[in-house]
């Protein structure tokens, strides 16, 4: 969702209705998974909302980058520049 506010600010949000995350139990106790969650400050029973916010922020950043590339007509130029279109 994108909206121009009354203060002329751009408001952008994203909804991910089927995002399932866990920060405690199951595979989160495995060493690599636990280390990654700890790096983000998201390991533990009360950290699930924080992890969901981190994921949503990363997804929103990707969406904003994609929309910027498309709207500036720069969508394919990096692939063409580095020969990845062949």
PDB file of N, CA and C in Angstrom:
ATOM      1  N   UNK A   1       0.842  -1.167   0.000  1.00  0.00           N
ATOM      2  CA  UNK A   1       0.000   0.000   0.000  1.00  0.00           C
ATOM      3  C   UNK A   1       0.888   1.231   0.000  1.00  0.00           C
ATOM      4  N   UNK A   2       0.580   2.201  -0.818  1.00  0.00           N
ATOM      5  CA  UNK A   2       1.333   3.451  -0.904  1.00  0.00           C
ATOM      6  C   UNK A   2       0.361   4.621  -0.852  1.00  0.00           C
ATOM      7  N   UNK A   3       0.748   5.644  -0.104  1.00  0.00           N
ATOM      8  CA  UNK A   3      -0.126   6.808   0.049  1.00  0.00           C
ATOM      9  C   UNK A   3       0.727   8.059   0.235  1.00  0.00           C
ATOM     10  N   UNK A   4       0.296   9.157  -0.331  1.00  0.00           N
ATOM     11  CA  UNK A   4       0.905  10.454  -0.089  1.00  0.00           C
ATOM     12  C   UNK A   4       0.109  11.112   1.036  1.00  0.00           C
ATOM     13  N   UNK A   5       0.771  11.416   2.157  1.00  0.00           N
ATOM     14  CA  UNK A   5       0.067  11.947   3.322  1.00  0.00           C
ATOM     15  C   UNK A   5      -0.242  13.426   3.152  1.00  0.00           C
ATOM     16  N   UNK A   6      -1.017  13.965   4.085  1.00  0.00           N
ATOM     17  CA  UNK A   6      -1.373  15.388   4.064  1.00  0.00           C
ATOM     18  C   UNK A   6      -0.138  16.278   4.203  1.00  0.00           C
ATOM     19  N   UNK A   7       0.919  15.763   4.848  1.00  0.00           N
ATOM     20  CA  UNK A   7       2.174  16.510   5.000  1.00  0.00           C
ATOM     21  C   UNK A   7       3.100  16.322   3.814  1.00  0.00           C
ATOM     22  N   UNK A   8       2.585  15.701   2.764  1.00  0.00           N
ATOM     23  CA  UNK A   8       3.345  15.446   1.537  1.00  0.00           C
ATOM     24  C   UNK A   8       4.475  14.430   1.740  1.00  0.00           C
ATOM     25  N   UNK A   9       4.291  13.528   2.711  1.00  0.00           N
ATOM     26  CA  UNK A   9       5.223  12.425   2.929  1.00  0.00           C
ATOM     27  C   UNK A   9       4.701  11.194   2.206  1.00  0.00           C
ATOM     28  N   UNK A  10       5.591  10.332   1.804  1.00  0.00           N
ATOM     29  CA  UNK A  10       5.193   9.082   1.162  1.00  0.00           C
ATOM     30  C   UNK A  10       5.116   7.991   2.217  1.00  0.00           C
ATOM     31  N   UNK A  11       3.953   7.393   2.366  1.00  0.00           N
ATOM     32  CA  UNK A  11       3.732   6.305   3.310  1.00  0.00           C
ATOM     33  C   UNK A  11       3.646   5.015   2.511  1.00  0.00           C
ATOM     34  N   UNK A  12       4.495   4.046   2.846  1.00  0.00           N
ATOM     35  CA  UNK A  12       4.502   2.759   2.152  1.00  0.00           C
ATOM     36  C   UNK A  12       4.406   1.665   3.204  1.00  0.00           C
ATOM     37  N   UNK A  13       3.549   0.691   2.974  1.00  0.00           N
ATOM     38  CA  UNK A  13       3.436  -0.440   3.895  1.00  0.00           C
ATOM     39  C   UNK A  13       3.324  -1.725   3.097  1.00  0.00           C
ATOM     40  N   UNK A  14       3.514  -2.826   3.811  1.00  0.00           N
ATOM     41  CA  UNK A  14       3.416  -4.138   3.169  1.00  0.00           C
ATOM     42  C   UNK A  14       2.667  -5.068   4.118  1.00  0.00           C
ATOM     43  N   UNK A  15       1.882  -5.948   3.565  1.00  0.00           N
ATOM     44  CA  UNK A  15       1.162  -6.948   4.343  1.00  0.00           C
ATOM     45  C   UNK A  15       1.613  -8.321   3.879  1.00  0.00           C
ATOM     46  N   UNK A  16       2.035  -9.134   4.826  1.00  0.00           N
ATOM     47  CA  UNK A  16       2.456 -10.507   4.519  1.00  0.00           C
ATOM     48  C   UNK A  16       1.571 -11.431   5.361  1.00  0.00           C
ATOM     49  N   UNK A  17       0.398 -11.798   4.861  1.00  0.00           N
ATOM     50  CA  UNK A  17      -0.577 -12.509   5.685  1.00  0.00           C
ATOM     51  C   UNK A  17      -0.187 -13.930   6.078  1.00  0.00           C
ATOM     52  N   UNK A  18       0.688 -14.568   5.350  1.00  0.00           N
ATOM     53  CA  UNK A  18       1.003 -15.958   5.677  1.00  0.00           C
ATOM     54  C   UNK A  18       2.448 -16.135   6.134  1.00  0.00           C
ATOM     55  N   UNK A  19       3.037 -15.105   6.739  1.00  0.00           N
ATOM     56  CA  UNK A  19       4.399 -15.184   7.253  1.00  0.00           C
ATOM     57  C   UNK A  19       4.388 -15.951   8.570  1.00  0.00           C
ATOM     58  N   UNK A  20       5.091 -17.063   8.599  1.00  0.00           N
ATOM     59  CA  UNK A  20       5.187 -17.871   9.807  1.00  0.00           C
ATOM     60  C   UNK A  20       6.626 -17.802  10.294  1.00  0.00           C
ATOM     61  N   UNK A  21       6.831 -17.292  11.505  1.00  0.00           N
ATOM     62  CA  UNK A  21       8.173 -17.165  12.059  1.00  0.00           C
ATOM     63  C   UNK A  21       8.206 -17.759  13.463  1.00  0.00           C
ATOM     64  N   UNK A  22       9.395 -18.143  13.881  1.00  0.00           N
ATOM     65  CA  UNK A  22       9.593 -18.664  15.234  1.00  0.00           C
ATOM     66  C   UNK A  22      10.953 -18.210  15.735  1.00  0.00           C
ATOM     67  N   UNK A  23      11.022 -17.920  17.021  1.00  0.00           N
ATOM     68  CA  UNK A  23      12.285 -17.507  17.622  1.00  0.00           C
ATOM     69  C   UNK A  23      12.651 -18.378  18.813  1.00  0.00           C
ATOM     70  N   UNK A  24      11.831 -19.385  19.082  1.00  0.00           N
ATOM     71  CA  UNK A  24      12.081 -20.255  20.223  1.00  0.00           C
ATOM     72  C   UNK A  24      11.475 -21.618  19.931  1.00  0.00           C
ATOM     73  N   UNK A  25      12.210 -22.674  20.219  1.00  0.00           N
ATOM     74  CA  UNK A  25      11.730 -24.029  20.005  1.00  0.00           C
ATOM     75  C   UNK A  25      12.026 -24.522  18.608  1.00  0.00           C
ATOM     76  N   UNK A  26      11.742 -25.779  18.367  1.00  0.00           N
ATOM     77  CA  UNK A  26      11.971 -26.371  17.048  1.00  0.00           C
ATOM     78  C   UNK A  26      13.408 -26.229  16.600  1.00  0.00           C
ATOM     79  N   UNK A  27      13.603 -25.832  15.350  1.00  0.00           N
ATOM     80  CA  UNK A  27      14.947 -25.705  14.791  1.00  0.00           C
ATOM     81  C   UNK A  27      15.692 -24.466  15.233  1.00  0.00           C
ATOM     82  N   UNK A  28      15.046 -23.574  15.982  1.00  0.00           N
ATOM     83  CA  UNK A  28      15.719 -22.340  16.390  1.00  0.00           C
ATOM     84  C   UNK A  28      16.836 -22.584  17.392  1.00  0.00           C
ATOM     85  N   UNK A  29      16.864 -23.763  17.991  1.00  0.00           N
ATOM     86  CA  UNK A  29      17.916 -24.092  18.948  1.00  0.00           C
ATOM     87  C   UNK A  29      19.166 -24.653  18.303  1.00  0.00           C
ATOM     88  N   UNK A  30      19.106 -24.977  17.014  1.00  0.00           N
ATOM     89  CA  UNK A  30      20.295 -25.459  16.310  1.00  0.00           C
ATOM     90  C   UNK A  30      21.321 -24.334  16.246  1.00  0.00           C
ATOM     91  N   UNK A  31      22.587 -24.704  16.271  1.00  0.00           N
ATOM     92  CA  UNK A  31      23.635 -23.697  16.452  1.00  0.00           C
ATOM     93  C   UNK A  31      23.611 -22.580  15.409  1.00  0.00           C
ATOM     94  N   UNK A  32      23.522 -22.912  14.136  1.00  0.00           N
ATOM     95  CA  UNK A  32      23.548 -21.878  13.101  1.00  0.00           C
ATOM     96  C   UNK A  32      22.300 -21.001  13.162  1.00  0.00           C
ATOM     97  N   UNK A  33      21.140 -21.615  13.312  1.00  0.00           N
ATOM     98  CA  UNK A  33      19.894 -20.855  13.377  1.00  0.00           C
ATOM     99  C   UNK A  33      19.883 -19.947  14.607  1.00  0.00           C
ATOM    100  N   UNK A  34      20.334 -20.487  15.731  1.00  0.00           N
ATOM    101  CA  UNK A  34      20.374 -19.698  16.964  1.00  0.00           C
ATOM    102  C   UNK A  34      21.333 -18.520  16.823  1.00  0.00           C
ATOM    103  N   UNK A  35      22.490 -18.769  16.212  1.00  0.00           N
ATOM    104  CA  UNK A  35      23.473 -17.700  16.017  1.00  0.00           C
ATOM    105  C   UNK A  35      22.896 -16.566  15.159  1.00  0.00           C
ATOM    106  N   UNK A  36      22.206 -16.929  14.086  1.00  0.00           N
ATOM    107  CA  UNK A  36      21.601 -15.906  13.219  1.00  0.00           C
ATOM    108  C   UNK A  36      20.533 -15.107  13.964  1.00  0.00           C
ATOM    109  N   UNK A  37      19.694 -15.787  14.719  1.00  0.00           N
ATOM    110  CA  UNK A  37      18.666 -15.085  15.491  1.00  0.00           C
ATOM    111  C   UNK A  37      19.291 -14.169  16.538  1.00  0.00           C
ATOM    112  N   UNK A  38      20.382 -14.628  17.175  1.00  0.00           N
ATOM    113  CA  UNK A  38      21.062 -13.795  18.171  1.00  0.00           C
ATOM    114  C   UNK A  38      21.707 -12.570  17.526  1.00  0.00           C
ATOM    115  N   UNK A  39      22.262 -12.724  16.316  1.00  0.00           N
ATOM    116  CA  UNK A  39      22.840 -11.578  15.608  1.00  0.00           C
ATOM    117  C   UNK A  39      21.801 -10.482  15.384  1.00  0.00           C
ATOM    118  N   UNK A  40      20.576 -10.894  15.121  1.00  0.00           N
ATOM    119  CA  UNK A  40      19.482  -9.950  14.895  1.00  0.00           C
ATOM    120  C   UNK A  40      18.826  -9.482  16.193  1.00  0.00           C
ATOM    121  N   UNK A  41      19.244 -10.078  17.316  1.00  0.00           N
ATOM    122  CA  UNK A  41      18.599  -9.761  18.586  1.00  0.00           C
ATOM    123  C   UNK A  41      17.202 -10.330  18.669  1.00  0.00           C
ATOM    124  N   UNK A  42      16.996 -11.472  18.015  1.00  0.00           N
ATOM    125  CA  UNK A  42      15.653 -12.044  17.899  1.00  0.00           C
ATOM    126  C   UNK A  42      15.524 -13.441  18.484  1.00  0.00           C
ATOM    127  N   UNK A  43      16.465 -13.895  19.298  1.00  0.00           N
ATOM    128  CA  UNK A  43      16.339 -15.238  19.859  1.00  0.00           C
ATOM    129  C   UNK A  43      15.605 -15.161  21.192  1.00  0.00           C
ATOM    130  N   UNK A  44      14.613 -16.008  21.359  1.00  0.00           N
ATOM    131  CA  UNK A  44      13.889 -16.084  22.621  1.00  0.00           C
ATOM    132  C   UNK A  44      12.389 -16.010  22.431  1.00  0.00           C
ATOM    133  N   UNK A  45      11.690 -16.362  23.498  1.00  0.00           N
ATOM    134  CA  UNK A  45      10.232 -16.477  23.448  1.00  0.00           C
ATOM    135  C   UNK A  45       9.518 -15.171  23.102  1.00  0.00           C
ATOM    136  N   UNK A  46      10.029 -14.066  23.543  1.00  0.00           N
ATOM    137  CA  UNK A  46       9.335 -12.782  23.363  1.00  0.00           C
ATOM    138  C   UNK A  46       9.817 -11.996  22.148  1.00  0.00           C
ATOM    139  N   UNK A  47      10.576 -12.617  21.240  1.00  0.00           N
ATOM    140  CA  UNK A  47      11.199 -11.879  20.138  1.00  0.00           C
ATOM    141  C   UNK A  47      10.575 -12.148  18.774  1.00  0.00           C
ATOM    142  N   UNK A  48       9.476 -12.867  18.720  1.00  0.00           N
ATOM    143  CA  UNK A  48       8.895 -13.262  17.439  1.00  0.00           C
ATOM    144  C   UNK A  48       8.391 -12.057  16.641  1.00  0.00           C
ATOM    145  N   UNK A  49       7.796 -11.080  17.323  1.00  0.00           N
ATOM    146  CA  UNK A  49       7.318  -9.888  16.605  1.00  0.00           C
ATOM    147  C   UNK A  49       8.475  -9.076  16.042  1.00  0.00           C
ATOM    148  N   UNK A  50       9.587  -9.024  16.783  1.00  0.00           N
ATOM    149  CA  UNK A  50      10.762  -8.307  16.286  1.00  0.00           C
ATOM    150  C   UNK A  50      11.287  -8.970  15.018  1.00  0.00           C
ATOM    151  N   UNK A  51      11.359 -10.302  15.001  1.00  0.00           N
ATOM    152  CA  UNK A  51      11.824 -11.016  13.808  1.00  0.00           C
ATOM    153  C   UNK A  51      10.885 -10.760  12.630  1.00  0.00           C
ATOM    154  N   UNK A  52       9.590 -10.780  12.869  1.00  0.00           N
ATOM    155  CA  UNK A  52       8.627 -10.495  11.797  1.00  0.00           C
ATOM    156  C   UNK A  52       8.825  -9.076  11.262  1.00  0.00           C
ATOM    157  N   UNK A  53       9.120  -8.121  12.137  1.00  0.00           N
ATOM    158  CA  UNK A  53       9.367  -6.743  11.700  1.00  0.00           C
ATOM    159  C   UNK A  53      10.637  -6.642  10.869  1.00  0.00           C
ATOM    160  N   UNK A  54      11.686  -7.367  11.265  1.00  0.00           N
ATOM    161  CA  UNK A  54      12.939  -7.372  10.499  1.00  0.00           C
ATOM    162  C   UNK A  54      12.693  -7.929   9.100  1.00  0.00           C
ATOM    163  N   UNK A  55      11.966  -9.039   9.028  1.00  0.00           N
ATOM    164  CA  UNK A  55      11.670  -9.660   7.731  1.00  0.00           C
ATOM    165  C   UNK A  55      10.815  -8.722   6.875  1.00  0.00           C
ATOM    166  N   UNK A  56       9.783  -8.143   7.468  1.00  0.00           N
ATOM    167  CA  UNK A  56       8.918  -7.224   6.718  1.00  0.00           C
ATOM    168  C   UNK A  56       9.702  -6.005   6.238  1.00  0.00           C
ATOM    169  N   UNK A  57      10.620  -5.514   7.052  1.00  0.00           N
ATOM    170  CA  UNK A  57      11.450  -4.381   6.645  1.00  0.00           C
ATOM    171  C   UNK A  57      12.327  -4.717   5.460  1.00  0.00           C
ATOM    172  N   UNK A  58      12.905  -5.919   5.471  1.00  0.00           N
ATOM    173  CA  UNK A  58      13.741  -6.352   4.346  1.00  0.00           C
ATOM    174  C   UNK A  58      12.907  -6.521   3.077  1.00  0.00           C
ATOM    175  N   UNK A  59      11.727  -7.099   3.213  1.00  0.00           N
ATOM    176  CA  UNK A  59      10.836  -7.271   2.059  1.00  0.00           C
ATOM    177  C   UNK A  59      10.398  -5.911   1.518  1.00  0.00           C
ATOM    178  N   UNK A  60      10.046  -4.997   2.410  1.00  0.00           N
ATOM    179  CA  UNK A  60       9.622  -3.664   1.985  1.00  0.00           C
ATOM    180  C   UNK A  60      10.756  -2.924   1.282  1.00  0.00           C
ATOM    181  N   UNK A  61      11.983  -3.071   1.774  1.00  0.00           N
ATOM    182  CA  UNK A  61      13.137  -2.444   1.117  1.00  0.00           C
ATOM    183  C   UNK A  61      13.325  -3.000  -0.289  1.00  0.00           C
ATOM    184  N   UNK A  62      13.150  -4.308  -0.446  1.00  0.00           N
ATOM    185  CA  UNK A  62      13.250  -4.921  -1.768  1.00  0.00           C
ATOM    186  C   UNK A  62      12.165  -4.438  -2.712  1.00  0.00           C
ATOM    187  N   UNK A  63      10.949  -4.316  -2.201  1.00  0.00           N
ATOM    188  CA  UNK A  63       9.837  -3.818  -3.011  1.00  0.00           C
ATOM    189  C   UNK A  63      10.070  -2.369  -3.436  1.00  0.00           C
ATOM    190  N   UNK A  64      10.577  -1.557  -2.519  1.00  0.00           N
ATOM    191  CA  UNK A  64      10.858  -0.156  -2.835  1.00  0.00           C
ATOM    192  C   UNK A  64      11.961  -0.043  -3.883  1.00  0.00           C
ATOM    193  N   UNK A  65      12.986  -0.870  -3.752  1.00  0.00           N
ATOM    194  CA  UNK A  65      14.074  -0.881  -4.732  1.00  0.00           C
ATOM    195  C   UNK A  65      13.558  -1.295  -6.110  1.00  0.00           C
ATOM    196  N   UNK A  66      12.732  -2.325  -6.143  1.00  0.00           N
ATOM    197  CA  UNK A  66      12.158  -2.792  -7.401  1.00  0.00           C
ATOM    198  C   UNK A  66      11.281  -1.719  -8.044  1.00  0.00           C
ATOM    199  N   UNK A  67      10.416  -1.101  -7.254  1.00  0.00           N
ATOM    200  CA  UNK A  67       9.543  -0.049  -7.783  1.00  0.00           C
ATOM    201  C   UNK A  67      10.359   1.135  -8.296  1.00  0.00           C
ATOM    202  N   UNK A  68      11.437   1.464  -7.601  1.00  0.00           N
ATOM    203  CA  UNK A  68      12.307   2.564  -8.043  1.00  0.00           C
ATOM    204  C   UNK A  68      12.971   2.241  -9.365  1.00  0.00           C
ATOM    205  N   UNK A  69      13.461   1.008  -9.493  1.00  0.00           N
ATOM    206  CA  UNK A  69      14.119   0.602 -10.738  1.00  0.00           C
ATOM    207  C   UNK A  69      13.146   0.631 -11.909  1.00  0.00           C
ATOM    208  N   UNK A  70      11.938   0.157 -11.685  1.00  0.00           N
ATOM    209  CA  UNK A  70      10.940   0.144 -12.756  1.00  0.00           C
ATOM    210  C   UNK A  70      10.534   1.565 -13.134  1.00  0.00           C
ATOM    211  N   UNK A  71      10.273   2.404 -12.145  1.00  0.00           N
ATOM    212  CA  UNK A  71       9.789   3.755 -12.448  1.00  0.00           C
ATOM    213  C   UNK A  71      10.858   4.655 -13.056  1.00  0.00           C
ATOM    214  N   UNK A  72      12.136   4.345 -12.828  1.00  0.00           N
ATOM    215  CA  UNK A  72      13.201   5.165 -13.414  1.00  0.00           C
ATOM    216  C   UNK A  72      13.690   4.598 -14.742  1.00  0.00           C
ATOM    217  N   UNK A  73      12.981   3.575 -15.236  1.00  0.00           N
ATOM    218  CA  UNK A  73      13.335   2.900 -16.490  1.00  0.00           C
ATOM    219  C   UNK A  73      14.743   2.312 -16.431  1.00  0.00           C
ATOM    220  N   UNK A  74      15.164   1.946 -15.233  1.00  0.00           N
ATOM    221  CA  UNK A  74      16.488   1.374 -15.003  1.00  0.00           C
ATOM    222  C   UNK A  74      16.378  -0.123 -14.712  1.00  0.00           C
ATOM    223  N   UNK A  75      15.261  -0.705 -15.044  1.00  0.00           N
ATOM    224  CA  UNK A  75      14.897  -2.070 -14.689  1.00  0.00           C
ATOM    225  C   UNK A  75      15.896  -3.098 -15.201  1.00  0.00           C
ATOM    226  N   UNK A  76      16.364  -2.963 -16.422  1.00  0.00           N
ATOM    227  CA  UNK A  76      17.195  -3.993 -17.031  1.00  0.00           C
ATOM    228  C   UNK A  76      18.629  -3.524 -17.267  1.00  0.00           C
ATOM    229  N   UNK A  77      18.915  -2.265 -17.080  1.00  0.00           N
ATOM    230  CA  UNK A  77      20.220  -1.727 -17.481  1.00  0.00           C
ATOM    231  C   UNK A  77      21.392  -2.386 -16.771  1.00  0.00           C
ATOM    232  N   UNK A  78      21.250  -2.747 -15.501  1.00  0.00           N
ATOM    233  CA  UNK A  78      22.376  -3.386 -14.813  1.00  0.00           C
ATOM    234  C   UNK A  78      22.659  -4.763 -15.401  1.00  0.00           C
ATOM    235  N   UNK A  79      21.615  -5.487 -15.785  1.00  0.00           N
ATOM    236  CA  UNK A  79      21.827  -6.782 -16.432  1.00  0.00           C
ATOM    237  C   UNK A  79      22.515  -6.597 -17.780  1.00  0.00           C
ATOM    238  N   UNK A  80      22.101  -5.590 -18.505  1.00  0.00           N
ATOM    239  CA  UNK A  80      22.733  -5.314 -19.796  1.00  0.00           C
ATOM    240  C   UNK A  80      24.175  -4.858 -19.606  1.00  0.00           C
ATOM    241  N   UNK A  81      24.415  -4.039 -18.597  1.00  0.00           N
ATOM    242  CA  UNK A  81      25.749  -3.507 -18.346  1.00  0.00           C
ATOM    243  C   UNK A  81      26.738  -4.613 -18.004  1.00  0.00           C
ATOM    244  N   UNK A  82      26.310  -5.581 -17.230  1.00  0.00           N
ATOM    245  CA  UNK A  82      27.209  -6.646 -16.796  1.00  0.00           C
ATOM    246  C   UNK A  82      27.058  -7.931 -17.605  1.00  0.00           C
ATOM    247  N   UNK A  83      26.342  -7.877 -18.705  1.00  0.00           N
ATOM    248  CA  UNK A  83      26.228  -9.017 -19.608  1.00  0.00           C
ATOM    249  C   UNK A  83      25.424 -10.177 -19.072  1.00  0.00           C
ATOM    250  N   UNK A  84      24.518  -9.924 -18.133  1.00  0.00           N
ATOM    251  CA  UNK A  84      23.732 -11.018 -17.552  1.00  0.00           C
ATOM    252  C   UNK A  84      22.453 -11.289 -18.325  1.00  0.00           C
ATOM    253  N   UNK A  85      22.284 -10.583 -19.420  1.00  0.00           N
ATOM    254  CA  UNK A  85      21.091 -10.805 -20.243  1.00  0.00           C
ATOM    255  C   UNK A  85      21.363 -11.818 -21.336  1.00  0.00           C
ATOM    256  N   UNK A  86      22.535 -12.395 -21.347  1.00  0.00           N
ATOM    257  CA  UNK A  86      22.893 -13.363 -22.388  1.00  0.00           C
ATOM    258  C   UNK A  86      22.844 -14.772 -21.866  1.00  0.00           C
TER     259      UNK A  86
END
